[in-house]
């Protein structure tokens, strides 16, 4: 089982999860991972999950901008915030059920 399948399983197994933290994404294409996971969340109509936290040792500002471009160009999220703190990316979005938005 690869990392994305494990995340899919977790989201399906715990449908009311609202915060998902993934501590090690070393072997996966981060851009592809974000694209797939957000697509899956949107298609499964997951109304509870609204925050992803990803620890990526190689993250930099350029990668963060690339992720923003992917999210915007694919229209994966409408109202969201993304930030980097050291080697962690925080991605939070607003949905109809989550009205408080940082």
PDB file of N, CA and C in Angstrom:
ATOM      1  N   UNK A   1       0.858  -1.180   0.000  1.00  0.00           N
ATOM      2  CA  UNK A   1       0.000   0.000   0.000  1.00  0.00           C
ATOM      3  C   UNK A   1       0.899   1.236   0.000  1.00  0.00           C
ATOM      4  N   UNK A   2       0.572   2.208  -0.844  1.00  0.00           N
ATOM      5  CA  UNK A   2       1.383   3.421  -0.837  1.00  0.00           C
ATOM      6  C   UNK A   2       0.755   4.484   0.053  1.00  0.00           C
ATOM      7  N   UNK A   3       1.441   5.577   0.209  1.00  0.00           N
ATOM      8  CA  UNK A   3       1.011   6.615   1.151  1.00  0.00           C
ATOM      9  C   UNK A   3      -0.356   7.195   0.811  1.00  0.00           C
ATOM     10  N   UNK A   4      -0.620   7.439  -0.446  1.00  0.00           N
ATOM     11  CA  UNK A   4      -1.895   8.047  -0.817  1.00  0.00           C
ATOM     12  C   UNK A   4      -3.051   7.097  -0.527  1.00  0.00           C
ATOM     13  N   UNK A   5      -2.860   5.821  -0.768  1.00  0.00           N
ATOM     14  CA  UNK A   5      -3.909   4.840  -0.463  1.00  0.00           C
ATOM     15  C   UNK A   5      -4.167   4.767   1.035  1.00  0.00           C
ATOM     16  N   UNK A   6      -3.133   4.888   1.821  1.00  0.00           N
ATOM     17  CA  UNK A   6      -3.291   4.887   3.277  1.00  0.00           C
ATOM     18  C   UNK A   6      -4.080   6.110   3.740  1.00  0.00           C
ATOM     19  N   UNK A   7      -3.829   7.242   3.148  1.00  0.00           N
ATOM     20  CA  UNK A   7      -4.568   8.456   3.501  1.00  0.00           C
ATOM     21  C   UNK A   7      -6.023   8.319   3.073  1.00  0.00           C
ATOM     22  N   UNK A   8      -6.273   7.796   1.876  1.00  0.00           N
ATOM     23  CA  UNK A   8      -7.645   7.557   1.421  1.00  0.00           C
ATOM     24  C   UNK A   8      -8.382   6.655   2.406  1.00  0.00           C
ATOM     25  N   UNK A   9      -7.716   5.596   2.818  1.00  0.00           N
ATOM     26  CA  UNK A   9      -8.327   4.665   3.766  1.00  0.00           C
ATOM     27  C   UNK A   9      -8.670   5.379   5.071  1.00  0.00           C
ATOM     28  N   UNK A  10      -7.758   6.158   5.576  1.00  0.00           N
ATOM     29  CA  UNK A  10      -7.981   6.874   6.834  1.00  0.00           C
ATOM     30  C   UNK A  10      -9.159   7.845   6.725  1.00  0.00           C
ATOM     31  N   UNK A  11      -9.232   8.564   5.635  1.00  0.00           N
ATOM     32  CA  UNK A  11     -10.335   9.510   5.438  1.00  0.00           C
ATOM     33  C   UNK A  11     -11.670   8.776   5.350  1.00  0.00           C
ATOM     34  N   UNK A  12     -11.666   7.647   4.674  1.00  0.00           N
ATOM     35  CA  UNK A  12     -12.902   6.862   4.549  1.00  0.00           C
ATOM     36  C   UNK A  12     -13.268   6.204   5.877  1.00  0.00           C
ATOM     37  N   UNK A  13     -12.280   5.709   6.592  1.00  0.00           N
ATOM     38  CA  UNK A  13     -12.505   5.021   7.870  1.00  0.00           C
ATOM     39  C   UNK A  13     -12.922   5.997   8.969  1.00  0.00           C
ATOM     40  N   UNK A  14     -12.433   7.214   8.905  1.00  0.00           N
ATOM     41  CA  UNK A  14     -12.745   8.250   9.908  1.00  0.00           C
ATOM     42  C   UNK A  14     -13.360   9.455   9.188  1.00  0.00           C
ATOM     43  N   UNK A  15     -14.598   9.354   8.749  1.00  0.00           N
ATOM     44  CA  UNK A  15     -15.182  10.404   7.910  1.00  0.00           C
ATOM     45  C   UNK A  15     -15.386  11.750   8.610  1.00  0.00           C
ATOM     46  N   UNK A  16     -15.344  11.768   9.922  1.00  0.00           N
ATOM     47  CA  UNK A  16     -15.550  13.034  10.642  1.00  0.00           C
ATOM     48  C   UNK A  16     -14.242  13.693  11.080  1.00  0.00           C
ATOM     49  N   UNK A  17     -13.156  13.184  10.595  1.00  0.00           N
ATOM     50  CA  UNK A  17     -11.863  13.787  10.915  1.00  0.00           C
ATOM     51  C   UNK A  17     -11.826  15.204  10.322  1.00  0.00           C
ATOM     52  N   UNK A  18     -11.311  16.160  11.084  1.00  0.00           N
ATOM     53  CA  UNK A  18     -11.252  17.523  10.553  1.00  0.00           C
ATOM     54  C   UNK A  18      -9.823  18.052  10.413  1.00  0.00           C
ATOM     55  N   UNK A  19      -8.863  17.346  10.978  1.00  0.00           N
ATOM     56  CA  UNK A  19      -7.462  17.767  10.912  1.00  0.00           C
ATOM     57  C   UNK A  19      -6.631  16.532  10.610  1.00  0.00           C
ATOM     58  N   UNK A  20      -5.853  16.594   9.556  1.00  0.00           N
ATOM     59  CA  UNK A  20      -5.031  15.453   9.184  1.00  0.00           C
ATOM     60  C   UNK A  20      -3.575  15.897   9.116  1.00  0.00           C
ATOM     61  N   UNK A  21      -2.753  15.256   9.926  1.00  0.00           N
ATOM     62  CA  UNK A  21      -1.322  15.560   9.946  1.00  0.00           C
ATOM     63  C   UNK A  21      -0.562  14.356   9.423  1.00  0.00           C
ATOM     64  N   UNK A  22       0.299  14.607   8.461  1.00  0.00           N
ATOM     65  CA  UNK A  22       1.129  13.557   7.885  1.00  0.00           C
ATOM     66  C   UNK A  22       2.572  13.966   8.115  1.00  0.00           C
ATOM     67  N   UNK A  23       3.278  13.158   8.869  1.00  0.00           N
ATOM     68  CA  UNK A  23       4.612  13.555   9.312  1.00  0.00           C
ATOM     69  C   UNK A  23       5.745  13.223   8.355  1.00  0.00           C
ATOM     70  N   UNK A  24       5.568  12.270   7.499  1.00  0.00           N
ATOM     71  CA  UNK A  24       6.679  11.905   6.617  1.00  0.00           C
ATOM     72  C   UNK A  24       6.178  11.666   5.206  1.00  0.00           C
ATOM     73  N   UNK A  25       6.472  12.597   4.341  1.00  0.00           N
ATOM     74  CA  UNK A  25       6.182  12.424   2.918  1.00  0.00           C
ATOM     75  C   UNK A  25       7.511  12.609   2.205  1.00  0.00           C
ATOM     76  N   UNK A  26       8.324  11.600   2.274  1.00  0.00           N
ATOM     77  CA  UNK A  26       9.661  11.696   1.694  1.00  0.00           C
ATOM     78  C   UNK A  26       9.735  11.134   0.288  1.00  0.00           C
ATOM     79  N   UNK A  27       8.995  10.074   0.028  1.00  0.00           N
ATOM     80  CA  UNK A  27       9.144   9.361  -1.234  1.00  0.00           C
ATOM     81  C   UNK A  27       8.098   9.741  -2.268  1.00  0.00           C
ATOM     82  N   UNK A  28       7.190  10.618  -1.915  1.00  0.00           N
ATOM     83  CA  UNK A  28       6.086  10.934  -2.802  1.00  0.00           C
ATOM     84  C   UNK A  28       6.247  12.314  -3.428  1.00  0.00           C
ATOM     85  N   UNK A  29       5.735  12.452  -4.624  1.00  0.00           N
ATOM     86  CA  UNK A  29       5.666  13.739  -5.303  1.00  0.00           C
ATOM     87  C   UNK A  29       4.632  14.589  -4.562  1.00  0.00           C
ATOM     88  N   UNK A  30       5.073  15.635  -3.888  1.00  0.00           N
ATOM     89  CA  UNK A  30       4.212  16.447  -3.025  1.00  0.00           C
ATOM     90  C   UNK A  30       3.096  17.111  -3.827  1.00  0.00           C
ATOM     91  N   UNK A  31       3.436  17.655  -4.983  1.00  0.00           N
ATOM     92  CA  UNK A  31       2.427  18.322  -5.802  1.00  0.00           C
ATOM     93  C   UNK A  31       1.321  17.353  -6.207  1.00  0.00           C
ATOM     94  N   UNK A  32       1.715  16.176  -6.626  1.00  0.00           N
ATOM     95  CA  UNK A  32       0.741  15.157  -7.017  1.00  0.00           C
ATOM     96  C   UNK A  32      -0.086  14.707  -5.814  1.00  0.00           C
ATOM     97  N   UNK A  33       0.558  14.568  -4.686  1.00  0.00           N
ATOM     98  CA  UNK A  33      -0.146  14.166  -3.467  1.00  0.00           C
ATOM     99  C   UNK A  33      -1.235  15.184  -3.114  1.00  0.00           C
ATOM    100  N   UNK A  34      -0.896  16.468  -3.092  1.00  0.00           N
ATOM    101  CA  UNK A  34      -1.866  17.518  -2.758  1.00  0.00           C
ATOM    102  C   UNK A  34      -3.025  17.493  -3.754  1.00  0.00           C
ATOM    103  N   UNK A  35      -2.696  17.400  -5.005  1.00  0.00           N
ATOM    104  CA  UNK A  35      -3.725  17.387  -6.046  1.00  0.00           C
ATOM    105  C   UNK A  35      -4.680  16.210  -5.852  1.00  0.00           C
ATOM    106  N   UNK A  36      -4.130  15.032  -5.655  1.00  0.00           N
ATOM    107  CA  UNK A  36      -4.966  13.836  -5.503  1.00  0.00           C
ATOM    108  C   UNK A  36      -5.794  13.864  -4.224  1.00  0.00           C
ATOM    109  N   UNK A  37      -5.198  14.269  -3.135  1.00  0.00           N
ATOM    110  CA  UNK A  37      -5.914  14.231  -1.861  1.00  0.00           C
ATOM    111  C   UNK A  37      -7.030  15.272  -1.840  1.00  0.00           C
ATOM    112  N   UNK A  38      -6.794  16.446  -2.371  1.00  0.00           N
ATOM    113  CA  UNK A  38      -7.853  17.461  -2.416  1.00  0.00           C
ATOM    114  C   UNK A  38      -8.961  17.062  -3.384  1.00  0.00           C
ATOM    115  N   UNK A  39      -8.585  16.468  -4.481  1.00  0.00           N
ATOM    116  CA  UNK A  39      -9.581  15.971  -5.430  1.00  0.00           C
ATOM    117  C   UNK A  39     -10.454  14.906  -4.763  1.00  0.00           C
ATOM    118  N   UNK A  40      -9.830  14.015  -4.038  1.00  0.00           N
ATOM    119  CA  UNK A  40     -10.558  12.947  -3.339  1.00  0.00           C
ATOM    120  C   UNK A  40     -11.495  13.528  -2.278  1.00  0.00           C
ATOM    121  N   UNK A  41     -11.017  14.466  -1.506  1.00  0.00           N
ATOM    122  CA  UNK A  41     -11.840  15.089  -0.463  1.00  0.00           C
ATOM    123  C   UNK A  41     -13.051  15.774  -1.093  1.00  0.00           C
ATOM    124  N   UNK A  42     -12.833  16.493  -2.171  1.00  0.00           N
ATOM    125  CA  UNK A  42     -13.932  17.187  -2.846  1.00  0.00           C
ATOM    126  C   UNK A  42     -14.930  16.221  -3.466  1.00  0.00           C
ATOM    127  N   UNK A  43     -14.446  15.181  -4.101  1.00  0.00           N
ATOM    128  CA  UNK A  43     -15.339  14.227  -4.766  1.00  0.00           C
ATOM    129  C   UNK A  43     -16.116  13.362  -3.794  1.00  0.00           C
ATOM    130  N   UNK A  44     -15.538  13.096  -2.647  1.00  0.00           N
ATOM    131  CA  UNK A  44     -16.239  12.290  -1.645  1.00  0.00           C
ATOM    132  C   UNK A  44     -17.140  13.145  -0.764  1.00  0.00           C
ATOM    133  N   UNK A  45     -17.185  14.423  -1.066  1.00  0.00           N
ATOM    134  CA  UNK A  45     -18.012  15.369  -0.299  1.00  0.00           C
ATOM    135  C   UNK A  45     -17.710  15.286   1.193  1.00  0.00           C
ATOM    136  N   UNK A  46     -16.454  15.229   1.515  1.00  0.00           N
ATOM    137  CA  UNK A  46     -16.062  15.207   2.920  1.00  0.00           C
ATOM    138  C   UNK A  46     -16.241  16.608   3.485  1.00  0.00           C
ATOM    139  N   UNK A  47     -17.242  16.760   4.329  1.00  0.00           N
ATOM    140  CA  UNK A  47     -17.586  18.074   4.861  1.00  0.00           C
ATOM    141  C   UNK A  47     -16.867  18.415   6.149  1.00  0.00           C
ATOM    142  N   UNK A  48     -16.143  17.476   6.706  1.00  0.00           N
ATOM    143  CA  UNK A  48     -15.527  17.705   8.011  1.00  0.00           C
ATOM    144  C   UNK A  48     -14.041  18.032   7.935  1.00  0.00           C
ATOM    145  N   UNK A  49     -13.352  17.410   7.029  1.00  0.00           N
ATOM    146  CA  UNK A  49     -11.912  17.643   6.916  1.00  0.00           C
ATOM    147  C   UNK A  49     -11.665  19.021   6.301  1.00  0.00           C
ATOM    148  N   UNK A  50     -10.926  19.859   7.015  1.00  0.00           N
ATOM    149  CA  UNK A  50     -10.649  21.202   6.506  1.00  0.00           C
ATOM    150  C   UNK A  50      -9.225  21.665   6.787  1.00  0.00           C
ATOM    151  N   UNK A  51      -8.386  20.783   7.313  1.00  0.00           N
ATOM    152  CA  UNK A  51      -6.997  21.167   7.568  1.00  0.00           C
ATOM    153  C   UNK A  51      -6.059  20.001   7.273  1.00  0.00           C
ATOM    154  N   UNK A  52      -5.029  20.282   6.497  1.00  0.00           N
ATOM    155  CA  UNK A  52      -3.947  19.328   6.262  1.00  0.00           C
ATOM    156  C   UNK A  52      -2.660  19.933   6.798  1.00  0.00           C
ATOM    157  N   UNK A  53      -1.900  19.105   7.450  1.00  0.00           N
ATOM    158  CA  UNK A  53      -0.594  19.502   7.958  1.00  0.00           C
ATOM    159  C   UNK A  53       0.410  18.475   7.441  1.00  0.00           C
ATOM    160  N   UNK A  54       1.373  18.921   6.675  1.00  0.00           N
ATOM    161  CA  UNK A  54       2.322  18.012   6.034  1.00  0.00           C
ATOM    162  C   UNK A  54       3.748  18.376   6.410  1.00  0.00           C
ATOM    163  N   UNK A  55       4.455  17.432   6.975  1.00  0.00           N
ATOM    164  CA  UNK A  55       5.873  17.647   7.294  1.00  0.00           C
ATOM    165  C   UNK A  55       6.693  17.167   6.102  1.00  0.00           C
ATOM    166  N   UNK A  56       7.397  18.127   5.505  1.00  0.00           N
ATOM    167  CA  UNK A  56       8.173  17.844   4.302  1.00  0.00           C
ATOM    168  C   UNK A  56       9.570  18.423   4.500  1.00  0.00           C
ATOM    169  N   UNK A  57      10.555  17.586   4.715  1.00  0.00           N
ATOM    170  CA  UNK A  57      11.908  18.081   5.011  1.00  0.00           C
ATOM    171  C   UNK A  57      12.490  18.992   3.929  1.00  0.00           C
ATOM    172  N   UNK A  58      12.073  18.821   2.687  1.00  0.00           N
ATOM    173  CA  UNK A  58      12.655  19.600   1.587  1.00  0.00           C
ATOM    174  C   UNK A  58      11.821  20.812   1.183  1.00  0.00           C
ATOM    175  N   UNK A  59      10.824  21.162   1.960  1.00  0.00           N
ATOM    176  CA  UNK A  59       9.932  22.260   1.582  1.00  0.00           C
ATOM    177  C   UNK A  59      10.675  23.597   1.570  1.00  0.00           C
ATOM    178  N   UNK A  60      10.309  24.438   0.611  1.00  0.00           N
ATOM    179  CA  UNK A  60      10.832  25.802   0.551  1.00  0.00           C
ATOM    180  C   UNK A  60       9.728  26.708   0.001  1.00  0.00           C
ATOM    181  N   UNK A  61      10.005  27.988  -0.091  1.00  0.00           N
ATOM    182  CA  UNK A  61       8.988  28.940  -0.556  1.00  0.00           C
ATOM    183  C   UNK A  61       8.572  28.679  -2.000  1.00  0.00           C
ATOM    184  N   UNK A  62       9.489  28.223  -2.791  1.00  0.00           N
ATOM    185  CA  UNK A  62       9.188  27.912  -4.192  1.00  0.00           C
ATOM    186  C   UNK A  62       8.162  26.782  -4.289  1.00  0.00           C
ATOM    187  N   UNK A  63       8.321  25.758  -3.448  1.00  0.00           N
ATOM    188  CA  UNK A  63       7.369  24.656  -3.437  1.00  0.00           C
ATOM    189  C   UNK A  63       5.994  25.140  -2.989  1.00  0.00           C
ATOM    190  N   UNK A  64       5.970  26.008  -2.015  1.00  0.00           N
ATOM    191  CA  UNK A  64       4.710  26.556  -1.522  1.00  0.00           C
ATOM    192  C   UNK A  64       3.978  27.310  -2.640  1.00  0.00           C
ATOM    193  N   UNK A  65       4.702  28.096  -3.403  1.00  0.00           N
ATOM    194  CA  UNK A  65       4.097  28.817  -4.528  1.00  0.00           C
ATOM    195  C   UNK A  65       3.593  27.852  -5.593  1.00  0.00           C
ATOM    196  N   UNK A  66       4.324  26.802  -5.807  1.00  0.00           N
ATOM    197  CA  UNK A  66       3.907  25.790  -6.782  1.00  0.00           C
ATOM    198  C   UNK A  66       2.610  25.112  -6.339  1.00  0.00           C
ATOM    199  N   UNK A  67       2.502  24.824  -5.055  1.00  0.00           N
ATOM    200  CA  UNK A  67       1.277  24.220  -4.524  1.00  0.00           C
ATOM    201  C   UNK A  67       0.091  25.171  -4.682  1.00  0.00           C
ATOM    202  N   UNK A  68       0.310  26.453  -4.428  1.00  0.00           N
ATOM    203  CA  UNK A  68      -0.754  27.447  -4.631  1.00  0.00           C
ATOM    204  C   UNK A  68      -1.213  27.445  -6.086  1.00  0.00           C
ATOM    205  N   UNK A  69      -0.264  27.406  -6.992  1.00  0.00           N
ATOM    206  CA  UNK A  69      -0.597  27.386  -8.421  1.00  0.00           C
ATOM    207  C   UNK A  69      -1.416  26.150  -8.784  1.00  0.00           C
ATOM    208  N   UNK A  70      -1.031  25.011  -8.245  1.00  0.00           N
ATOM    209  CA  UNK A  70      -1.762  23.764  -8.513  1.00  0.00           C
ATOM    210  C   UNK A  70      -3.186  23.850  -7.981  1.00  0.00           C
ATOM    211  N   UNK A  71      -3.326  24.326  -6.764  1.00  0.00           N
ATOM    212  CA  UNK A  71      -4.655  24.448  -6.150  1.00  0.00           C
ATOM    213  C   UNK A  71      -5.522  25.409  -6.955  1.00  0.00           C
ATOM    214  N   UNK A  72      -4.968  26.536  -7.332  1.00  0.00           N
ATOM    215  CA  UNK A  72      -5.740  27.542  -8.074  1.00  0.00           C
ATOM    216  C   UNK A  72      -6.059  27.105  -9.500  1.00  0.00           C
ATOM    217  N   UNK A  73      -5.082  26.605 -10.206  1.00  0.00           N
ATOM    218  CA  UNK A  73      -5.298  26.238 -11.609  1.00  0.00           C
ATOM    219  C   UNK A  73      -6.249  25.054 -11.766  1.00  0.00           C
ATOM    220  N   UNK A  74      -6.252  24.156 -10.793  1.00  0.00           N
ATOM    221  CA  UNK A  74      -7.159  23.004 -10.842  1.00  0.00           C
ATOM    222  C   UNK A  74      -8.467  23.253 -10.088  1.00  0.00           C
ATOM    223  N   UNK A  75      -8.575  24.443  -9.515  1.00  0.00           N
ATOM    224  CA  UNK A  75      -9.772  24.833  -8.761  1.00  0.00           C
ATOM    225  C   UNK A  75     -10.124  23.798  -7.693  1.00  0.00           C
ATOM    226  N   UNK A  76      -9.108  23.390  -6.961  1.00  0.00           N
ATOM    227  CA  UNK A  76      -9.287  22.376  -5.919  1.00  0.00           C
ATOM    228  C   UNK A  76      -9.888  22.965  -4.657  1.00  0.00           C
ATOM    229  N   UNK A  77      -9.576  24.212  -4.387  1.00  0.00           N
ATOM    230  CA  UNK A  77     -10.125  24.917  -3.232  1.00  0.00           C
ATOM    231  C   UNK A  77     -10.447  26.340  -3.655  1.00  0.00           C
ATOM    232  N   UNK A  78     -11.454  26.917  -3.013  1.00  0.00           N
ATOM    233  CA  UNK A  78     -11.826  28.291  -3.336  1.00  0.00           C
ATOM    234  C   UNK A  78     -11.267  29.245  -2.293  1.00  0.00           C
ATOM    235  N   UNK A  79     -11.611  29.011  -1.067  1.00  0.00           N
ATOM    236  CA  UNK A  79     -11.187  29.883   0.024  1.00  0.00           C
ATOM    237  C   UNK A  79     -10.240  29.086   0.928  1.00  0.00           C
ATOM    238  N   UNK A  80      -8.961  29.380   0.846  1.00  0.00           N
ATOM    239  CA  UNK A  80      -7.986  28.604   1.609  1.00  0.00           C
ATOM    240  C   UNK A  80      -6.810  29.477   2.027  1.00  0.00           C
ATOM    241  N   UNK A  81      -6.059  28.943   2.971  1.00  0.00           N
ATOM    242  CA  UNK A  81      -4.799  29.551   3.399  1.00  0.00           C
ATOM    243  C   UNK A  81      -3.750  28.452   3.413  1.00  0.00           C
ATOM    244  N   UNK A  82      -2.574  28.821   2.981  1.00  0.00           N
ATOM    245  CA  UNK A  82      -1.463  27.879   3.014  1.00  0.00           C
ATOM    246  C   UNK A  82      -0.248  28.632   3.545  1.00  0.00           C
ATOM    247  N   UNK A  83       0.460  27.996   4.452  1.00  0.00           N
ATOM    248  CA  UNK A  83       1.663  28.633   4.992  1.00  0.00           C
ATOM    249  C   UNK A  83       2.679  27.564   5.352  1.00  0.00           C
ATOM    250  N   UNK A  84       3.902  28.027   5.470  1.00  0.00           N
ATOM    251  CA  UNK A  84       5.004  27.136   5.830  1.00  0.00           C
ATOM    252  C   UNK A  84       5.626  27.637   7.117  1.00  0.00           C
ATOM    253  N   UNK A  85       5.838  26.714   8.035  1.00  0.00           N
ATOM    254  CA  UNK A  85       6.564  26.996   9.268  1.00  0.00           C
ATOM    255  C   UNK A  85       7.662  25.938   9.353  1.00  0.00           C
ATOM    256  N   UNK A  86       8.880  26.382   9.123  1.00  0.00           N
ATOM    257  CA  UNK A  86      10.038  25.486   9.042  1.00  0.00           C
ATOM    258  C   UNK A  86       9.793  24.431   7.973  1.00  0.00           C
ATOM    259  N   UNK A  87       9.666  23.164   8.350  1.00  0.00           N
ATOM    260  CA  UNK A  87       9.477  22.112   7.349  1.00  0.00           C
ATOM    261  C   UNK A  87       8.045  21.568   7.329  1.00  0.00           C
ATOM    262  N   UNK A  88       7.101  22.385   7.750  1.00  0.00           N
ATOM    263  CA  UNK A  88       5.700  21.963   7.803  1.00  0.00           C
ATOM    264  C   UNK A  88       4.843  22.906   6.960  1.00  0.00           C
ATOM    265  N   UNK A  89       3.985  22.308   6.151  1.00  0.00           N
ATOM    266  CA  UNK A  89       3.005  23.068   5.382  1.00  0.00           C
ATOM    267  C   UNK A  89       1.653  22.900   6.053  1.00  0.00           C
ATOM    268  N   UNK A  90       1.008  24.023   6.289  1.00  0.00           N
ATOM    269  CA  UNK A  90      -0.349  24.030   6.838  1.00  0.00           C
ATOM    270  C   UNK A  90      -1.285  24.513   5.736  1.00  0.00           C
ATOM    271  N   UNK A  91      -2.272  23.696   5.437  1.00  0.00           N
ATOM    272  CA  UNK A  91      -3.265  24.042   4.434  1.00  0.00           C
ATOM    273  C   UNK A  91      -4.636  23.949   5.085  1.00  0.00           C
ATOM    274  N   UNK A  92      -5.326  25.069   5.095  1.00  0.00           N
ATOM    275  CA  UNK A  92      -6.650  25.108   5.716  1.00  0.00           C
ATOM    276  C   UNK A  92      -7.616  25.758   4.742  1.00  0.00           C
ATOM    277  N   UNK A  93      -8.820  25.219   4.672  1.00  0.00           N
ATOM    278  CA  UNK A  93      -9.814  25.766   3.769  1.00  0.00           C
ATOM    279  C   UNK A  93     -11.153  25.886   4.466  1.00  0.00           C
ATOM    280  N   UNK A  94     -11.983  26.703   3.870  1.00  0.00           N
ATOM    281  CA  UNK A  94     -13.310  26.951   4.417  1.00  0.00           C
ATOM    282  C   UNK A  94     -14.319  26.127   3.630  1.00  0.00           C
ATOM    283  N   UNK A  95     -15.259  25.563   4.357  1.00  0.00           N
ATOM    284  CA  UNK A  95     -16.379  24.898   3.704  1.00  0.00           C
ATOM    285  C   UNK A  95     -17.660  25.308   4.410  1.00  0.00           C
ATOM    286  N   UNK A  96     -18.778  24.809   3.963  1.00  0.00           N
ATOM    287  CA  UNK A  96     -20.077  25.213   4.523  1.00  0.00           C
ATOM    288  C   UNK A  96     -20.239  24.828   5.982  1.00  0.00           C
ATOM    289  N   UNK A  97     -19.544  23.795   6.409  1.00  0.00           N
ATOM    290  CA  UNK A  97     -19.711  23.295   7.770  1.00  0.00           C
ATOM    291  C   UNK A  97     -18.681  23.855   8.732  1.00  0.00           C
ATOM    292  N   UNK A  98     -17.630  24.377   8.199  1.00  0.00           N
ATOM    293  CA  UNK A  98     -16.561  24.944   9.020  1.00  0.00           C
ATOM    294  C   UNK A  98     -16.529  26.445   8.767  1.00  0.00           C
ATOM    295  N   UNK A  99     -17.172  27.195   9.616  1.00  0.00           N
ATOM    296  CA  UNK A  99     -17.308  28.632   9.409  1.00  0.00           C
ATOM    297  C   UNK A  99     -16.129  29.425   9.965  1.00  0.00           C
ATOM    298  N   UNK A 100     -15.475  28.903  10.980  1.00  0.00           N
ATOM    299  CA  UNK A 100     -14.313  29.595  11.543  1.00  0.00           C
ATOM    300  C   UNK A 100     -13.121  29.344  10.640  1.00  0.00           C
ATOM    301  N   UNK A 101     -12.533  30.396  10.186  1.00  0.00           N
ATOM    302  CA  UNK A 101     -11.423  30.274   9.253  1.00  0.00           C
ATOM    303  C   UNK A 101     -10.291  31.143   9.750  1.00  0.00           C
ATOM    304  N   UNK A 102      -9.160  30.541   9.941  1.00  0.00           N
ATOM    305  CA  UNK A 102      -8.014  31.268  10.480  1.00  0.00           C
ATOM    306  C   UNK A 102      -7.463  32.200   9.420  1.00  0.00           C
TER     307      UNK A 102
END
